[in-house]
Amino acid sequence: MKKMFITICGAVLLASTVLGADVVTRTALWNVPFGDAWRSAVETDIAACAAAINAGTMDGGSTIVGSTATGTSKTSINIQPAAASTTASISRQSLVTIGDITGTTPFGFGVTNQSSYGILGSFGRTIAATANWDGNYDTGLDVRCLNKLVNDSAYNMRGAYIKAKNYVGSGAGAVTGVVGQIDGLTVECVADGSETESSVLKLGSDASTVTYGIDMDEVATPATADIRFSNGALVKNGDANTLTITEATVAISGALTATTVAPANGLSTNVAVIIGAGTTSTFYFVSGILTNITAN
């Protein structure tokens, strides 16, 4: 009965959303072998469900608003959240949650020989762009976190958080065997060559006070390298004072500037440079002019 009620309510909600009806009505014809009492109870439940949909109110107090226009933006479906809970036992507030976000319960989703998706969405244009295009981007996913209230250095915020975790061990939902590849984030750009410019990953900001373009400070030291380039070159920051570039040939186009390490032999600066595997030489400069090379 519960499953049937959920299915019926889902059909009512889908019809309301997809067909664009302003008011949900229940005109179903009944031919069920469960008796009038069961039918009456289900009708009461459906009526309550329809009333909630028509009122645009979700369980918990959030509101669904269809086809709204605010300022310069038009939205097909808008969820306006209810007030946050102040209950001491609640440590996470979410507008929408799908699945078990704690990671402690097996999800029971997927099949043995096919990939599965938690959220799968697709966006495509249904009308051609014109010559007076505004210069912005069609965007498949736009996620933002905005702060206009908090002024406290203890407050942190981020635009998005994506995590892939492989549970290994004996706990609930853990795996004990070897798995294949795991990626925290995969970004792909398919360009056919007709573009004036294309990139797989583009970073930008609307303020000049950004401290770092890419900050890997919270990444544990990787086993192989911090960065692997398209043809296999590696860059690894093995510890706080070591940066290693692994490639057969490293070419530098432009000026190479060396930071002063310490005076030596009466000269202004000396810089230790790795020449080859296991070989170190010291380059001595005076006023920017190479004066001596000593093999160590």
Protein backbone atom coordinates (compact mmCIF):
# COMPACT_ATOMS: atom_id res chain seq x y z
CA MET A 1 0.00 0.00 0.00
CA LYS A 2 2.78 2.37 0.90
CA LYS A 3 4.56 1.73 -2.40
CA MET A 4 1.34 2.24 -4.35
CA PHE A 5 0.63 5.49 -2.53
CA ILE A 6 4.14 6.78 -3.25
CA THR A 7 3.75 5.82 -6.91
CA ILE A 8 0.41 7.62 -7.19
CA CYS A 9 1.74 10.74 -5.47
CA GLY A 10 4.77 10.66 -7.75
CA ALA A 11 2.51 10.51 -10.79
CA VAL A 12 0.51 13.47 -9.47
CA LEU A 13 3.69 15.49 -8.89
CA LEU A 14 5.10 14.56 -12.32
CA ALA A 15 1.88 15.53 -14.05
CA SER A 16 1.83 18.84 -12.21
CA THR A 17 5.43 19.61 -13.11
CA VAL A 18 5.64 18.32 -16.67
CA LEU A 19 2.18 19.25 -17.92
CA GLY A 20 2.35 22.66 -16.28
CA ALA A 21 -1.04 22.40 -14.60
CA ASP A 22 -1.79 25.19 -12.16
CA VAL A 23 -4.01 22.96 -10.03
CA VAL A 24 -3.77 19.20 -9.43
CA THR A 25 -7.10 17.38 -9.47
CA ARG A 26 -7.86 13.74 -8.69
CA THR A 27 -10.29 12.25 -11.20
CA ALA A 28 -9.00 8.66 -11.18
CA LEU A 29 -11.55 5.89 -11.69
CA TRP A 30 -11.34 3.09 -9.13
CA ASN A 31 -11.50 -0.61 -9.86
CA VAL A 32 -9.52 -2.22 -7.04
CA PRO A 33 -10.26 -5.36 -5.01
CA PHE A 34 -9.28 -3.89 -1.63
CA GLY A 35 -12.62 -2.49 -0.53
CA ASP A 36 -14.12 0.92 0.05
CA ALA A 37 -12.26 1.55 3.30
CA TRP A 38 -8.86 1.14 1.63
CA ARG A 39 -9.96 3.26 -1.30
CA SER A 40 -11.21 6.00 1.00
CA ALA A 41 -7.92 6.06 2.92
CA VAL A 42 -5.87 6.33 -0.27
CA GLU A 43 -8.15 9.08 -1.58
CA THR A 44 -7.57 11.02 1.62
CA ASP A 45 -3.80 10.63 1.26
CA ILE A 46 -3.86 11.65 -2.40
CA ALA A 47 -6.00 14.66 -1.58
CA ALA A 48 -3.44 15.75 1.02
CA CYS A 49 -0.62 15.20 -1.46
CA ALA A 50 -2.43 17.19 -4.15
CA ALA A 51 -3.13 20.00 -1.68
CA ALA A 52 0.56 20.19 -0.77
CA ILE A 53 1.55 20.30 -4.43
CA ASN A 54 -1.00 23.00 -5.22
CA ALA A 55 0.23 25.02 -2.24
CA GLY A 56 3.80 24.50 -3.40
CA THR A 57 4.83 23.32 0.06
CA MET A 58 7.26 20.46 0.69
CA ASP A 59 7.64 18.42 3.83
CA GLY A 60 9.70 20.50 6.25
CA GLY A 61 8.29 23.82 5.09
CA SER A 62 10.30 24.43 1.89
CA THR A 63 8.34 25.85 -1.04
CA ILE A 64 8.42 24.86 -4.73
CA VAL A 65 7.74 27.75 -7.08
CA GLY A 66 7.30 27.11 -10.79
CA SER A 67 8.33 29.40 -13.65
CA THR A 68 9.42 32.47 -11.72
CA ALA A 69 11.14 35.60 -13.01
CA THR A 70 13.34 37.64 -10.67
CA GLY A 71 15.23 40.63 -12.00
CA THR A 72 16.94 39.49 -15.20
CA SER A 73 16.63 35.74 -14.49
CA LYS A 74 13.84 33.29 -15.29
CA THR A 75 13.68 29.94 -13.48
CA SER A 76 11.53 26.93 -14.40
CA ILE A 77 11.59 25.37 -10.93
CA ASN A 78 12.67 27.23 -7.81
CA ILE A 79 12.96 25.71 -4.31
CA GLN A 80 12.71 28.27 -1.55
CA PRO A 81 14.11 26.71 1.65
CA ALA A 82 12.44 26.70 5.02
CA ALA A 83 14.17 28.26 8.01
CA ALA A 84 17.23 26.39 9.25
CA SER A 85 16.88 24.24 12.35
CA THR A 86 18.45 25.33 15.62
CA THR A 87 18.27 21.84 17.13
CA ALA A 88 21.60 21.09 18.84
CA SER A 89 21.79 17.55 17.45
CA ILE A 90 21.66 18.78 13.81
CA SER A 91 25.13 19.62 12.49
CA ARG A 92 24.36 19.81 8.76
CA GLN A 93 21.75 21.93 6.95
CA SER A 94 20.92 21.07 3.32
CA LEU A 95 18.44 22.46 0.82
CA VAL A 96 18.35 19.18 -1.17
CA THR A 97 19.87 15.85 -0.16
CA ILE A 98 19.98 12.74 -2.34
CA GLY A 99 21.04 9.42 -0.82
CA ASP A 100 22.93 8.79 2.41
CA ILE A 101 25.34 11.69 2.80
CA THR A 102 27.00 10.15 5.87
CA GLY A 103 28.53 7.34 3.82
CA THR A 104 27.74 4.77 6.52
CA THR A 105 24.80 3.05 4.81
CA PRO A 106 25.18 0.86 1.69
CA PHE A 107 23.21 2.58 -1.05
CA GLY A 108 21.88 -0.53 -2.80
CA PHE A 109 21.97 1.20 -6.18
CA GLY A 110 23.42 0.09 -9.50
CA VAL A 111 24.00 -3.13 -11.42
CA THR A 112 27.01 -5.39 -11.70
CA ASN A 113 28.20 -4.54 -15.21
CA GLN A 114 27.18 -0.92 -15.90
CA SER A 115 28.08 2.50 -14.59
CA SER A 116 25.56 4.36 -12.44
CA TYR A 117 24.89 8.03 -11.76
CA GLY A 118 23.73 9.82 -8.65
CA ILE A 119 22.63 12.87 -10.65
CA LEU A 120 22.63 12.92 -14.46
CA GLY A 121 21.57 16.07 -16.26
CA SER A 122 21.84 17.34 -19.81
CA PHE A 123 21.36 20.82 -21.20
CA GLY A 124 21.11 21.71 -24.88
CA ARG A 125 20.08 24.79 -26.78
CA THR A 126 16.78 24.68 -28.68
CA ILE A 127 17.28 27.92 -30.59
CA ALA A 128 20.31 29.17 -32.50
CA ALA A 129 22.47 31.97 -31.15
CA THR A 130 22.35 35.26 -33.02
CA ALA A 131 24.94 37.83 -34.01
CA ASN A 132 24.04 40.04 -31.03
CA TRP A 133 25.09 37.37 -28.51
CA ASP A 134 25.86 38.90 -25.10
CA GLY A 135 29.30 37.26 -24.87
CA ASN A 136 28.51 35.02 -21.91
CA TYR A 137 28.47 31.21 -21.77
CA ASP A 138 25.73 28.62 -22.07
CA THR A 139 26.33 26.67 -18.85
CA GLY A 140 25.38 23.10 -18.00
CA LEU A 141 25.93 23.51 -14.26
CA ASP A 142 26.20 26.73 -12.26
CA VAL A 143 26.77 26.35 -8.51
CA ARG A 144 27.32 29.33 -6.24
CA CYS A 145 27.75 30.04 -2.55
CA LEU A 146 27.09 33.64 -1.55
CA ASN A 147 27.73 35.46 1.70
CA LYS A 148 26.10 38.79 2.47
CA LEU A 149 25.73 38.42 6.24
CA VAL A 150 28.76 36.97 8.05
CA ASN A 151 31.79 39.04 9.04
CA ASP A 152 33.98 36.64 10.97
CA SER A 153 37.42 35.20 10.16
CA ALA A 154 36.29 31.83 11.52
CA TYR A 155 33.73 31.58 8.69
CA ASN A 156 34.75 29.65 5.56
CA MET A 157 32.89 29.12 2.29
CA ARG A 158 33.40 27.39 -1.06
CA GLY A 159 31.52 27.28 -4.31
CA ALA A 160 31.50 23.50 -4.66
CA TYR A 161 32.74 20.37 -2.92
CA ILE A 162 33.15 17.11 -4.86
CA LYS A 163 34.43 13.92 -3.28
CA ALA A 164 34.97 10.34 -4.39
CA LYS A 165 35.83 7.97 -1.55
CA ASN A 166 36.71 4.28 -1.68
CA TYR A 167 35.98 2.56 1.63
CA VAL A 168 38.52 -0.18 2.35
CA GLY A 169 38.35 -2.21 5.56
CA SER A 170 35.92 -4.19 7.64
CA GLY A 171 33.36 -1.50 8.43
CA ALA A 172 29.84 -1.25 7.07
CA GLY A 173 29.81 -0.86 3.31
CA ALA A 174 33.61 -1.29 3.04
CA VAL A 175 35.34 -3.22 0.27
CA THR A 176 38.18 -5.65 0.78
CA GLY A 177 39.39 -6.22 -2.79
CA VAL A 178 41.26 -4.13 -5.35
CA VAL A 179 39.28 -1.58 -7.37
CA GLY A 180 40.20 0.26 -10.55
CA GLN A 181 40.67 3.98 -10.97
CA ILE A 182 39.16 6.58 -8.67
CA ASP A 183 39.01 10.28 -9.58
CA GLY A 184 37.74 13.11 -7.45
CA LEU A 185 36.76 15.15 -10.51
CA THR A 186 36.88 14.48 -14.25
CA VAL A 187 36.49 17.42 -16.62
CA GLU A 188 36.31 16.86 -20.37
CA CYS A 189 36.14 19.30 -23.25
CA VAL A 190 35.31 18.01 -26.75
CA ALA A 191 36.37 20.56 -29.38
CA ASP A 192 35.96 19.91 -33.11
CA GLY A 193 38.45 22.55 -34.25
CA SER A 194 35.97 25.23 -35.30
CA GLU A 195 36.47 27.16 -32.03
CA THR A 196 38.64 30.24 -31.76
CA GLU A 197 39.83 28.94 -28.38
CA SER A 198 39.14 25.94 -26.14
CA SER A 199 40.40 24.59 -22.82
CA VAL A 200 39.66 21.61 -20.60
CA LEU A 201 39.87 23.66 -17.41
CA LYS A 202 39.69 27.43 -17.16
CA LEU A 203 40.17 29.30 -13.89
CA GLY A 204 39.06 32.82 -13.23
CA SER A 205 38.01 35.21 -10.49
CA ASP A 206 36.21 38.53 -10.28
CA ALA A 207 38.59 40.01 -7.70
CA SER A 208 42.30 40.84 -7.71
CA THR A 209 42.74 39.85 -4.06
CA VAL A 210 42.76 36.07 -4.69
CA THR A 211 45.79 34.57 -2.92
CA TYR A 212 46.38 31.49 -5.12
CA GLY A 213 45.17 30.41 -8.53
CA ILE A 214 45.59 26.75 -7.55
CA ASP A 215 46.14 25.77 -3.92
CA MET A 216 47.19 22.15 -3.27
CA ASP A 217 48.14 22.72 0.35
CA GLU A 218 45.53 20.25 1.65
CA VAL A 219 46.59 17.46 -0.72
CA ALA A 220 48.59 14.71 0.98
CA THR A 221 51.99 14.23 -0.72
CA PRO A 222 51.20 12.06 -3.78
CA ALA A 223 53.09 8.80 -4.27
CA THR A 224 54.20 9.68 -7.83
CA ALA A 225 53.74 13.39 -8.56
CA ASP A 226 51.61 16.44 -7.82
CA ILE A 227 51.06 17.07 -11.54
CA ARG A 228 51.32 14.78 -14.58
CA PHE A 229 51.29 16.58 -17.90
CA SER A 230 49.78 15.38 -21.19
CA ASN A 231 52.99 13.71 -22.46
CA GLY A 232 54.10 12.26 -19.13
CA ALA A 233 56.26 14.99 -17.56
CA LEU A 234 56.00 15.03 -13.78
CA VAL A 235 56.24 17.75 -11.13
CA LYS A 236 56.49 16.72 -7.49
CA ASN A 237 56.81 18.82 -4.36
CA GLY A 238 58.28 15.99 -2.28
CA ASP A 239 58.71 18.05 0.89
CA ALA A 240 58.69 21.66 2.03
CA ASN A 241 62.08 22.38 0.38
CA THR A 242 62.15 20.12 -2.67
CA LEU A 243 60.55 20.56 -6.10
CA THR A 244 61.39 17.89 -8.68
CA ILE A 245 60.65 18.07 -12.41
CA THR A 246 60.96 14.74 -14.21
CA GLU A 247 61.38 14.91 -17.99
CA ALA A 248 64.13 14.02 -20.48
CA THR A 249 64.43 17.60 -21.75
CA VAL A 250 63.28 20.76 -19.97
CA ALA A 251 63.35 23.87 -22.16
CA ILE A 252 62.86 27.35 -20.74
CA SER A 253 61.69 30.16 -23.00
CA GLY A 254 62.43 33.54 -21.43
CA ALA A 255 64.49 34.72 -18.50
CA LEU A 256 65.31 32.36 -15.62
CA THR A 257 65.67 34.15 -12.29
CA ALA A 258 67.50 32.52 -9.37
CA THR A 259 66.82 33.60 -5.80
CA THR A 260 69.83 34.30 -3.57
CA VAL A 261 70.66 31.35 -1.32
CA ALA A 262 73.82 32.45 0.56
CA PRO A 263 77.08 34.30 -0.16
CA ALA A 264 80.11 32.08 -0.80
CA ASN A 265 83.79 32.51 -1.75
CA GLY A 266 83.47 36.30 -1.60
CA LEU A 267 80.92 36.28 -4.41
CA SER A 268 77.49 37.81 -4.19
CA THR A 269 75.33 34.72 -4.56
CA ASN A 270 75.44 31.00 -5.16
CA VAL A 271 72.68 28.71 -6.38
CA ALA A 272 72.77 24.91 -6.32
CA VAL A 273 71.35 23.39 -9.53
CA ILE A 274 70.75 19.71 -10.33
CA ILE A 275 72.54 18.98 -13.63
CA GLY A 276 71.83 15.27 -14.02
CA ALA A 277 70.84 12.19 -12.06
CA GLY A 278 72.92 12.20 -8.88
CA THR A 279 75.10 15.14 -10.02
CA THR A 280 75.02 18.58 -8.40
CA SER A 281 76.90 21.68 -9.44
CA THR A 282 77.07 25.13 -7.84
CA PHE A 283 76.71 28.14 -10.12
CA TYR A 284 78.38 31.36 -8.85
CA PHE A 285 77.05 34.71 -10.05
CA VAL A 286 78.27 38.26 -9.52
CA SER A 287 75.84 41.00 -10.46
CA GLY A 288 73.94 38.55 -12.60
CA ILE A 289 77.06 37.28 -14.44
CA LEU A 290 78.09 33.62 -14.20
CA THR A 291 81.67 33.57 -12.87
CA ASN A 292 82.29 30.00 -11.79
CA ILE A 293 80.83 26.47 -11.80
CA THR A 294 81.94 23.98 -9.20
CA ALA A 295 81.02 20.29 -9.35
CA ASN A 296 80.01 18.84 -5.98
